[in-house]
PDB file of N, CA and C in Angstrom:
ATOM      1  N   MET A   1     117.023 100.516 -56.426  1.00  0.00           N
ATOM      2  CA  MET A   1     115.851 100.426 -55.547  1.00  0.00           C
ATOM      3  C   MET A   1     115.253 101.836 -55.170  1.00  0.00           C
ATOM      4  N   ARG A   2     114.069 101.959 -54.940  1.00  0.00           N
ATOM      5  CA  ARG A   2     113.444 103.345 -54.698  1.00  0.00           C
ATOM      6  C   ARG A   2     112.592 103.090 -53.450  1.00  0.00           C
ATOM      7  N   ILE A   3     112.852 103.861 -52.546  1.00  0.00           N
ATOM      8  CA  ILE A   3     111.708 103.878 -51.124  1.00  0.00           C
ATOM      9  C   ILE A   3     111.107 105.301 -51.190  1.00  0.00           C
ATOM     10  N   CYS A   4     109.701 104.892 -51.152  1.00  0.00           N
ATOM     11  CA  CYS A   4     108.796 106.216 -51.420  1.00  0.00           C
ATOM     12  C   CYS A   4     107.661 105.955 -50.174  1.00  0.00           C
ATOM     13  N   ILE A   5     107.785 107.045 -49.430  1.00  0.00           N
ATOM     14  CA  ILE A   5     107.143 107.113 -48.233  1.00  0.00           C
ATOM     15  C   ILE A   5     105.931 108.336 -48.521  1.00  0.00           C
ATOM     16  N   ASP A   6     104.708 108.313 -48.347  1.00  0.00           N
ATOM     17  CA  ASP A   6     103.692 109.307 -48.371  1.00  0.00           C
ATOM     18  C   ASP A   6     102.969 109.187 -46.986  1.00  0.00           C
ATOM     19  N   ALA A   7     102.991 110.210 -46.106  1.00  0.00           N
ATOM     20  CA  ALA A   7     102.104 110.270 -44.692  1.00  0.00           C
ATOM     21  C   ALA A   7     101.876 111.592 -44.508  1.00  0.00           C
ATOM     22  N   PRO A   8     100.812 111.618 -43.605  1.00  0.00           N
ATOM     23  CA  PRO A   8     100.506 112.933 -43.274  1.00  0.00           C
ATOM     24  C   PRO A   8     101.297 113.668 -42.164  1.00  0.00           C
ATOM     25  N   ARG A   9     101.134 114.894 -42.103  1.00  0.00           N
ATOM     26  CA  ARG A   9     101.813 115.756 -40.978  1.00  0.00           C
ATOM     27  C   ARG A   9     100.851 116.264 -40.028  1.00  0.00           C
ATOM     28  N   ASP A  10     101.144 116.777 -39.119  1.00  0.00           N
ATOM     29  CA  ASP A  10     100.256 117.551 -37.993  1.00  0.00           C
ATOM     30  C   ASP A  10      99.614 118.747 -38.754  1.00  0.00           C
ATOM     31  N   ASN A  11     100.134 119.497 -39.710  1.00  0.00           N
ATOM     32  CA  ASN A  11      99.371 120.813 -40.080  1.00  0.00           C
ATOM     33  C   ASN A  11      98.752 120.559 -41.581  1.00  0.00           C
ATOM     34  N   ASN A  12      98.164 119.532 -41.474  1.00  0.00           N
ATOM     35  CA  ASN A  12      97.323 118.980 -42.634  1.00  0.00           C
ATOM     36  C   ASN A  12      98.118 119.018 -44.110  1.00  0.00           C
ATOM     37  N   LYS A  13      99.313 118.923 -43.907  1.00  0.00           N
ATOM     38  CA  LYS A  13     100.165 118.602 -45.084  1.00  0.00           C
ATOM     39  C   LYS A  13     100.484 117.194 -45.185  1.00  0.00           C
ATOM     40  N   ARG A  14     101.170 116.921 -46.336  1.00  0.00           N
ATOM     41  CA  ARG A  14     101.858 115.592 -46.531  1.00  0.00           C
ATOM     42  C   ARG A  14     103.309 115.522 -46.407  1.00  0.00           C
ATOM     43  N   PHE A  15     103.776 114.474 -45.757  1.00  0.00           N
ATOM     44  CA  PHE A  15     105.438 114.218 -45.916  1.00  0.00           C
ATOM     45  C   PHE A  15     105.501 113.121 -46.864  1.00  0.00           C
ATOM     46  N   ARG A  16     106.412 113.731 -47.771  1.00  0.00           N
ATOM     47  CA  ARG A  16     106.942 112.712 -49.013  1.00  0.00           C
ATOM     48  C   ARG A  16     108.199 112.671 -49.014  1.00  0.00           C
ATOM     49  N   LEU A  17     108.752 111.504 -48.873  1.00  0.00           N
ATOM     50  CA  LEU A  17     109.958 111.201 -49.239  1.00  0.00           C
ATOM     51  C   LEU A  17     110.240 110.072 -50.442  1.00  0.00           C
ATOM     52  N   PHE A  18     111.291 110.508 -51.144  1.00  0.00           N
ATOM     53  CA  PHE A  18     111.699 109.765 -52.321  1.00  0.00           C
ATOM     54  C   PHE A  18     113.163 109.420 -52.042  1.00  0.00           C
ATOM     55  N   LEU A  19     113.512 108.229 -51.860  1.00  0.00           N
ATOM     56  CA  LEU A  19     114.981 107.751 -51.752  1.00  0.00           C
ATOM     57  C   LEU A  19     115.210 106.757 -52.533  1.00  0.00           C
ATOM     58  N   PRO A  20     116.093 107.389 -53.576  1.00  0.00           N
ATOM     59  CA  PRO A  20     116.666 106.159 -54.506  1.00  0.00           C
ATOM     60  C   PRO A  20     117.989 105.785 -53.889  1.00  0.00           C
ATOM     61  N   VAL A  21     117.920 104.163 -53.704  1.00  0.00           N
ATOM     62  CA  VAL A  21     119.355 103.504 -53.190  1.00  0.00           C
ATOM     63  C   VAL A  21     119.617 102.630 -54.187  1.00  0.00           C
ATOM     64  N   PRO A  22     120.933 102.744 -55.038  1.00  0.00           N
ATOM     65  CA  PRO A  22     121.437 101.952 -55.887  1.00  0.00           C
ATOM     66  C   PRO A  22     121.727 100.607 -55.327  1.00  0.00           C
ATOM     67  N   LEU A  23     121.312  99.707 -55.939  1.00  0.00           N
ATOM     68  CA  LEU A  23     121.404  98.192 -55.479  1.00  0.00           C
ATOM     69  C   LEU A  23     123.146  97.831 -55.594  1.00  0.00           C
ATOM     70  N   TRP A  24     123.608  98.604 -56.416  1.00  0.00           N
ATOM     71  CA  TRP A  24     125.337  98.237 -56.285  1.00  0.00           C
ATOM     72  C   TRP A  24     125.993  98.706 -55.345  1.00  0.00           C
ATOM     73  N   PHE A  25     125.450  99.578 -54.424  1.00  0.00           N
ATOM     74  CA  PHE A  25     125.911 100.184 -53.333  1.00  0.00           C
ATOM     75  C   PHE A  25     126.382  99.219 -52.350  1.00  0.00           C
ATOM     76  N   ALA A  26     125.673  98.110 -52.214  1.00  0.00           N
ATOM     77  CA  ALA A  26     126.025  96.978 -51.114  1.00  0.00           C
ATOM     78  C   ALA A  26     127.201  96.262 -51.527  1.00  0.00           C
ATOM     79  N   ARG A  27     127.657  96.482 -52.550  1.00  0.00           N
ATOM     80  CA  ARG A  27     128.685  95.505 -53.204  1.00  0.00           C
ATOM     81  C   ARG A  27     130.171  96.115 -52.951  1.00  0.00           C
ATOM     82  N   PHE A  28     130.173  97.236 -52.370  1.00  0.00           N
ATOM     83  CA  PHE A  28     131.577  97.921 -52.054  1.00  0.00           C
ATOM     84  C   PHE A  28     132.057  97.607 -50.600  1.00  0.00           C
ATOM     85  N   SER A  29     133.147  97.218 -50.570  1.00  0.00           N
ATOM     86  CA  SER A  29     133.709  96.613 -49.304  1.00  0.00           C
ATOM     87  C   SER A  29     133.686  97.718 -48.188  1.00  0.00           C
ATOM     88  N   PHE A  30     133.833  98.744 -48.411  1.00  0.00           N
ATOM     89  CA  PHE A  30     133.877  99.824 -47.266  1.00  0.00           C
ATOM     90  C   PHE A  30     132.426 100.058 -46.829  1.00  0.00           C
ATOM     91  N   ILE A  31     131.470  99.656 -47.315  1.00  0.00           N
ATOM     92  CA  ILE A  31     130.101  99.650 -46.768  1.00  0.00           C
ATOM     93  C   ILE A  31     130.081  98.764 -45.717  1.00  0.00           C
ATOM     94  N   TRP A  32     130.359  97.508 -46.025  1.00  0.00           N
ATOM     95  CA  TRP A  32     130.484  96.389 -44.880  1.00  0.00           C
ATOM     96  C   TRP A  32     131.428  96.737 -43.664  1.00  0.00           C
ATOM     97  N   ARG A  33     132.317  97.479 -43.976  1.00  0.00           N
ATOM     98  CA  ARG A  33     133.230  97.714 -42.756  1.00  0.00           C
ATOM     99  C   ARG A  33     132.692  98.666 -41.851  1.00  0.00           C
ATOM    100  N   ILE A  34     131.592  99.233 -42.214  1.00  0.00           N
ATOM    101  CA  ILE A  34     131.072 100.557 -41.293  1.00  0.00           C
ATOM    102  C   ILE A  34     129.698 100.069 -40.639  1.00  0.00           C
ATOM    103  N   ILE A  35     129.319  98.878 -40.937  1.00  0.00           N
ATOM    104  CA  ILE A  35     127.991  98.404 -40.390  1.00  0.00           C
ATOM    105  C   ILE A  35     128.533  97.552 -39.254  1.00  0.00           C
ATOM    106  N   PRO A  36     127.378  97.375 -38.277  1.00  0.00           N
ATOM    107  CA  PRO A  36     127.591  96.326 -37.209  1.00  0.00           C
ATOM    108  C   PRO A  36     128.472  94.870 -37.523  1.00  0.00           C
ATOM    109  N   GLU A  37     129.033  94.505 -36.534  1.00  0.00           N
ATOM    110  CA  GLU A  37     129.964  93.181 -36.663  1.00  0.00           C
ATOM    111  C   GLU A  37     128.913  92.024 -36.986  1.00  0.00           C
ATOM    112  N   ASP A  38     127.935  91.923 -36.153  1.00  0.00           N
ATOM    113  CA  ASP A  38     126.776  90.811 -36.328  1.00  0.00           C
ATOM    114  C   ASP A  38     126.209  90.761 -37.739  1.00  0.00           C
ATOM    115  N   ILE A  39     126.404  91.808 -38.596  1.00  0.00           N
ATOM    116  CA  ILE A  39     125.322  91.635 -39.700  1.00  0.00           C
ATOM    117  C   ILE A  39     126.624  91.588 -40.832  1.00  0.00           C
ATOM    118  N   ARG A  40     127.865  91.740 -40.749  1.00  0.00           N
ATOM    119  CA  ARG A  40     128.847  91.606 -41.545  1.00  0.00           C
ATOM    120  C   ARG A  40     128.856  90.120 -42.379  1.00  0.00           C
ATOM    121  N   MET A  41     128.464  89.119 -41.536  1.00  0.00           N
ATOM    122  CA  MET A  41     128.377  87.474 -41.937  1.00  0.00           C
ATOM    123  C   MET A  41     127.317  87.520 -43.156  1.00  0.00           C
ATOM    124  N   TYR A  42     126.561  88.634 -43.499  1.00  0.00           N
ATOM    125  CA  TYR A  42     125.841  88.354 -44.775  1.00  0.00           C
ATOM    126  C   TYR A  42     126.229  88.984 -45.841  1.00  0.00           C
ATOM    127  N   GLU A  43     127.572  89.420 -45.613  1.00  0.00           N
ATOM    128  CA  GLU A  43     128.033  90.230 -47.093  1.00  0.00           C
ATOM    129  C   GLU A  43     128.035  89.140 -48.101  1.00  0.00           C
ATOM    130  N   PRO A  44     128.594  87.993 -48.069  1.00  0.00           N
ATOM    131  CA  PRO A  44     128.492  87.295 -49.259  1.00  0.00           C
ATOM    132  C   PRO A  44     127.251  87.047 -49.831  1.00  0.00           C
ATOM    133  N   ALA A  45     126.347  86.398 -49.188  1.00  0.00           N
ATOM    134  CA  ALA A  45     124.780  86.381 -49.467  1.00  0.00           C
ATOM    135  C   ALA A  45     124.209  87.580 -50.081  1.00  0.00           C
ATOM    136  N   ALA A  46     124.521  88.742 -49.602  1.00  0.00           N
ATOM    137  CA  ALA A  46     123.933  90.027 -49.941  1.00  0.00           C
ATOM    138  C   ALA A  46     124.262  90.409 -51.526  1.00  0.00           C
ATOM    139  N   LYS A  47     125.578  90.319 -51.589  1.00  0.00           N
ATOM    140  CA  LYS A  47     126.204  90.290 -53.037  1.00  0.00           C
ATOM    141  C   LYS A  47     125.907  89.589 -53.897  1.00  0.00           C
ATOM    142  N   GLU A  48     125.445  88.110 -53.633  1.00  0.00           N
ATOM    143  CA  GLU A  48     124.574  87.200 -54.431  1.00  0.00           C
ATOM    144  C   GLU A  48     123.272  87.811 -54.723  1.00  0.00           C
ATOM    145  N   ILE A  49     122.686  88.130 -53.743  1.00  0.00           N
ATOM    146  CA  ILE A  49     121.299  88.410 -53.691  1.00  0.00           C
ATOM    147  C   ILE A  49     121.187  89.801 -54.829  1.00  0.00           C
ATOM    148  N   ILE A  50     121.860  90.511 -54.521  1.00  0.00           N
ATOM    149  CA  ILE A  50     121.819  91.650 -55.330  1.00  0.00           C
ATOM    150  C   ILE A  50     121.903  91.378 -56.886  1.00  0.00           C
ATOM    151  N   ARG A  51     122.975  90.414 -57.057  1.00  0.00           N
ATOM    152  CA  ARG A  51     123.264  90.089 -58.716  1.00  0.00           C
ATOM    153  C   ARG A  51     121.949  89.270 -59.120  1.00  0.00           C
ATOM    154  N   ILE A  52     121.309  88.486 -58.312  1.00  0.00           N
ATOM    155  CA  ILE A  52     120.228  87.807 -58.659  1.00  0.00           C
ATOM    156  C   ILE A  52     118.882  88.994 -58.965  1.00  0.00           C
ATOM    157  N   LEU A  53     118.909  89.869 -58.057  1.00  0.00           N
ATOM    158  CA  LEU A  53     117.625  91.100 -58.108  1.00  0.00           C
ATOM    159  C   LEU A  53     118.180  91.653 -59.569  1.00  0.00           C
ATOM    160  N   LYS A  54     119.201  92.094 -59.818  1.00  0.00           N
ATOM    161  CA  LYS A  54     119.474  92.683 -61.043  1.00  0.00           C
ATOM    162  C   LYS A  54     119.214  91.981 -62.253  1.00  0.00           C
ATOM    163  N   GLU A  55     119.716  90.616 -62.251  1.00  0.00           N
ATOM    164  CA  GLU A  55     119.305  89.800 -63.271  1.00  0.00           C
ATOM    165  C   GLU A  55     117.790  89.668 -63.512  1.00  0.00           C
ATOM    166  N   TYR A  56     117.006  89.529 -62.379  1.00  0.00           N
ATOM    167  CA  TYR A  56     115.450  89.450 -62.623  1.00  0.00           C
ATOM    168  C   TYR A  56     114.936  90.535 -63.126  1.00  0.00           C
ATOM    169  N   ARG A  57     115.472  91.709 -62.691  1.00  0.00           N
ATOM    170  CA  ARG A  57     114.856  93.130 -63.112  1.00  0.00           C
ATOM    171  C   ARG A  57     115.117  93.372 -64.541  1.00  0.00           C
ATOM    172  N   ARG A  58     116.386  92.799 -65.041  1.00  0.00           N
ATOM    173  CA  ARG A  58     116.616  93.163 -66.452  1.00  0.00           C
ATOM    174  C   ARG A  58     115.693  92.248 -67.381  1.00  0.00           C
ATOM    175  N   GLN A  59     115.278  90.990 -67.096  1.00  0.00           N
ATOM    176  CA  GLN A  59     114.486  89.779 -67.532  1.00  0.00           C
ATOM    177  C   GLN A  59     112.830  90.520 -67.443  1.00  0.00           C
ATOM    178  N   ASN A  60     112.533  91.028 -66.447  1.00  0.00           N
ATOM    179  CA  ASN A  60     110.878  90.918 -66.230  1.00  0.00           C
ATOM    180  C   ASN A  60     110.703  92.505 -65.707  1.00  0.00           C
ATOM    181  N   GLY A  61     111.712  93.387 -65.756  1.00  0.00           N
ATOM    182  CA  GLY A  61     111.356  94.986 -65.306  1.00  0.00           C
ATOM    183  C   GLY A  61     111.213  95.091 -63.853  1.00  0.00           C
ATOM    184  N   SER A  62     110.679  96.274 -63.460  1.00  0.00           N
ATOM    185  CA  SER A  62     110.802  96.816 -62.017  1.00  0.00           C
ATOM    186  C   SER A  62     109.636  96.134 -61.357  1.00  0.00           C
ATOM    187  N   TRP A  63     109.517  95.908 -60.127  1.00  0.00           N
ATOM    188  CA  TRP A  63     108.500  95.337 -59.325  1.00  0.00           C
ATOM    189  C   TRP A  63     108.527  95.768 -58.031  1.00  0.00           C
ATOM    190  N   ASN A  64     107.532  95.721 -57.100  1.00  0.00           N
ATOM    191  CA  ASN A  64     107.343  96.298 -55.912  1.00  0.00           C
ATOM    192  C   ASN A  64     107.800  94.934 -54.742  1.00  0.00           C
ATOM    193  N   LEU A  65     108.860  95.324 -53.790  1.00  0.00           N
ATOM    194  CA  LEU A  65     109.476  94.556 -53.071  1.00  0.00           C
ATOM    195  C   LEU A  65     108.448  94.424 -51.990  1.00  0.00           C
ATOM    196  N   VAL A  66     108.007  95.634 -51.474  1.00  0.00           N
ATOM    197  CA  VAL A  66     107.312  96.240 -50.402  1.00  0.00           C
ATOM    198  C   VAL A  66     106.021  96.957 -50.599  1.00  0.00           C
ATOM    199  N   GLU A  67     105.005  96.963 -50.156  1.00  0.00           N
ATOM    200  CA  GLU A  67     103.972  97.979 -50.583  1.00  0.00           C
ATOM    201  C   GLU A  67     103.100  97.804 -49.206  1.00  0.00           C
ATOM    202  N   VAL A  68     102.809  98.924 -48.509  1.00  0.00           N
ATOM    203  CA  VAL A  68     102.212  98.880 -47.202  1.00  0.00           C
ATOM    204  C   VAL A  68     101.046 100.086 -47.481  1.00  0.00           C
ATOM    205  N   ASP A  69      99.974  99.773 -47.442  1.00  0.00           N
ATOM    206  CA  ASP A  69      98.899 100.982 -47.327  1.00  0.00           C
ATOM    207  C   ASP A  69      98.066 100.894 -46.044  1.00  0.00           C
ATOM    208  N   SER A  70      98.122 101.962 -45.292  1.00  0.00           N
ATOM    209  CA  SER A  70      97.298 102.201 -44.174  1.00  0.00           C
ATOM    210  C   SER A  70      96.213 103.130 -44.467  1.00  0.00           C
ATOM    211  N   GLN A  71      95.750 103.662 -43.319  1.00  0.00           N
ATOM    212  CA  GLN A  71      94.454 104.631 -43.636  1.00  0.00           C
ATOM    213  C   GLN A  71      94.886 105.747 -44.420  1.00  0.00           C
ATOM    214  N   ASP A  72      95.997 106.164 -44.121  1.00  0.00           N
ATOM    215  CA  ASP A  72      96.491 107.596 -44.768  1.00  0.00           C
ATOM    216  C   ASP A  72      97.972 107.716 -44.854  1.00  0.00           C
ATOM    217  N   THR A  73      98.665 106.325 -45.063  1.00  0.00           N
ATOM    218  CA  THR A  73     100.113 106.344 -45.264  1.00  0.00           C
ATOM    219  C   THR A  73     100.354 105.323 -46.311  1.00  0.00           C
ATOM    220  N   HIS A  74     101.075 105.860 -47.070  1.00  0.00           N
ATOM    221  CA  HIS A  74     101.777 104.657 -48.170  1.00  0.00           C
ATOM    222  C   HIS A  74     103.199 104.374 -48.390  1.00  0.00           C
ATOM    223  N   ILE A  75     103.518 103.452 -48.117  1.00  0.00           N
ATOM    224  CA  ILE A  75     104.952 103.063 -48.256  1.00  0.00           C
ATOM    225  C   ILE A  75     105.238 102.069 -49.214  1.00  0.00           C
ATOM    226  N   ARG A  76     106.370 102.324 -50.120  1.00  0.00           N
ATOM    227  CA  ARG A  76     106.667 101.315 -51.338  1.00  0.00           C
ATOM    228  C   ARG A  76     108.026 101.362 -51.561  1.00  0.00           C
ATOM    229  N   ILE A  77     108.410 100.262 -51.661  1.00  0.00           N
ATOM    230  CA  ILE A  77     110.014  99.877 -52.106  1.00  0.00           C
ATOM    231  C   ILE A  77     110.070  98.908 -53.216  1.00  0.00           C
ATOM    232  N   ARG A  78     110.378  99.710 -54.327  1.00  0.00           N
ATOM    233  CA  ARG A  78     110.354  99.416 -55.517  1.00  0.00           C
ATOM    234  C   ARG A  78     111.889  98.972 -56.238  1.00  0.00           C
ATOM    235  N   ILE A  79     111.952  97.752 -57.003  1.00  0.00           N
ATOM    236  CA  ILE A  79     113.228  97.411 -57.360  1.00  0.00           C
ATOM    237  C   ILE A  79     113.045  97.667 -58.928  1.00  0.00           C
TER     238      ILE A  79
END
C-alpha cells in the first residue's frame, strides 16, 4: 500500500509525502500488542482482509482505495 500526499506550504512550495506501508506488516502479532485495546478485537478480521486484498491485487493489479482532490491538495492511497 502506498500513501501519497501532495499539499501546498506557506512558502509557495509543495509538501509531498510518499509513504510505502506493506500490507504484510499488519499480520505480525507484535503490532497488535502496541495498538490500543479497543482496536485489538479487529485483529482476526484485519488479517483476513489483508489476505483478500493481496489476492485481489494479484488477479486485477493495483487500484486506488482512496483518492481525494481538493482545490490544491491531492491525497491517494493505492493498493
